[in-house]
C-alpha cells in the first residue's frame, strides 16, 4: 500500500527532514489489519507526534488561536 501524498503547508521546526524520514520510514508500518482506510500520510502522523512532544502544545505555539484569546 502506497503512502498518501504530503499536504502543502508551512513546515514546523519540529518536522522531519527528508533525510530523517528516510531513516525511520521502514520502521513506521503502513495501516493494515483493520477496516479503516489511511486518512493521513504516515510522515505527517510522525511530524504531529514530534510537534506535541517538543512543544507540549503550549498556547503560544498554536498557529490559530480562538477568538477568546483576545480577553
Foldseek 3Di string as FASTA:
>chain_A
DDFDDADDDDDDPQQDDPVRCVVCVVVQDDDDDDDDDDDHGSSVVVSVVSVCVVPVPPVVPDPDDDPVVVD
